[in-house]
Amino acid sequence: MIRQSTRLLALACVVLSALFVATVAGVLSWLAEASAPQALLCAGGTFAGWSVLCASLISAFGLLES
């Protein structure tokens, strides 16, 4: 049985890593001469994709089970 604090820590790691990866993707997109809205859209898509990927991985490892 996984403790509630472990689940919260895993989800916090997902969100923080997604924010980091999305920030890097947005900055790189902006430096590649994309407009600010295009860079923001790229960062948002990266955040969503990374979050889903990480959440599915920790779910596969059983960290989100009750």
Protein backbone atom coordinates (compact mmCIF):
# COMPACT_ATOMS: atom_id res chain seq x y z
CA MET A 1 0.00 0.00 0.00
CA ILE A 2 1.35 3.37 -1.06
CA ARG A 3 1.13 6.19 1.48
CA GLN A 4 -0.69 9.40 0.61
CA SER A 5 2.47 11.47 1.11
CA THR A 6 4.31 9.33 -1.46
CA ARG A 7 1.57 9.93 -4.02
CA LEU A 8 1.63 13.67 -3.39
CA LEU A 9 5.40 13.75 -3.70
CA ALA A 10 5.26 11.84 -6.99
CA LEU A 11 2.64 14.22 -8.40
CA ALA A 12 4.63 17.24 -7.21
CA CYS A 13 7.68 15.87 -9.04
CA VAL A 14 5.57 15.46 -12.18
CA VAL A 15 4.36 19.05 -12.04
CA LEU A 16 7.78 20.55 -11.26
CA SER A 17 9.54 18.58 -13.97
CA ALA A 18 6.80 19.49 -16.45
CA LEU A 19 7.21 23.17 -15.59
CA PHE A 20 10.95 22.94 -16.13
CA VAL A 21 10.68 21.11 -19.45
CA ALA A 22 7.92 23.44 -20.67
CA THR A 23 9.98 26.51 -19.77
CA VAL A 24 12.97 25.19 -21.69
CA ALA A 25 10.77 24.34 -24.69
CA GLY A 26 9.14 27.78 -24.66
CA VAL A 27 12.47 29.61 -24.40
CA LEU A 28 14.03 27.54 -27.17
CA SER A 29 11.01 28.12 -29.36
CA TRP A 30 11.15 31.85 -28.69
CA LEU A 31 14.89 31.96 -29.43
CA ALA A 32 14.19 30.20 -32.73
CA GLU A 33 12.37 33.35 -33.88
CA ALA A 34 8.85 32.23 -32.95
CA SER A 35 6.44 34.88 -31.72
CA ALA A 36 5.55 35.03 -28.04
CA PRO A 37 2.11 33.39 -28.52
CA GLN A 38 3.65 30.59 -30.57
CA ALA A 39 6.33 30.01 -27.91
CA LEU A 40 3.66 29.97 -25.20
CA LEU A 41 1.59 27.48 -27.19
CA CYS A 42 4.66 25.29 -27.62
CA ALA A 43 5.37 25.44 -23.90
CA GLY A 44 1.75 24.58 -23.05
CA GLY A 45 1.76 21.59 -25.36
CA THR A 46 5.04 20.42 -23.91
CA PHE A 47 3.69 20.78 -20.36
CA ALA A 48 0.61 18.72 -21.20
CA GLY A 49 2.55 16.03 -23.02
CA TRP A 50 5.23 15.71 -20.34
CA SER A 51 2.61 15.61 -17.57
CA VAL A 52 0.68 12.81 -19.27
CA LEU A 53 3.87 10.86 -19.96
CA CYS A 54 5.16 11.14 -16.39
CA ALA A 55 1.76 10.45 -14.82
CA SER A 56 1.34 7.33 -16.92
CA LEU A 57 4.83 6.15 -15.96
CA ILE A 58 4.30 6.58 -12.23
CA SER A 59 0.91 4.95 -12.59
CA ALA A 60 2.54 2.01 -14.36
CA PHE A 61 4.98 1.68 -11.46
CA GLY A 62 2.02 1.58 -9.09
CA LEU A 63 2.64 4.84 -7.25
CA LEU A 64 -0.88 6.16 -7.86
CA GLU A 65 -2.78 3.09 -6.69
CA SER A 66 -4.82 3.13 -3.52
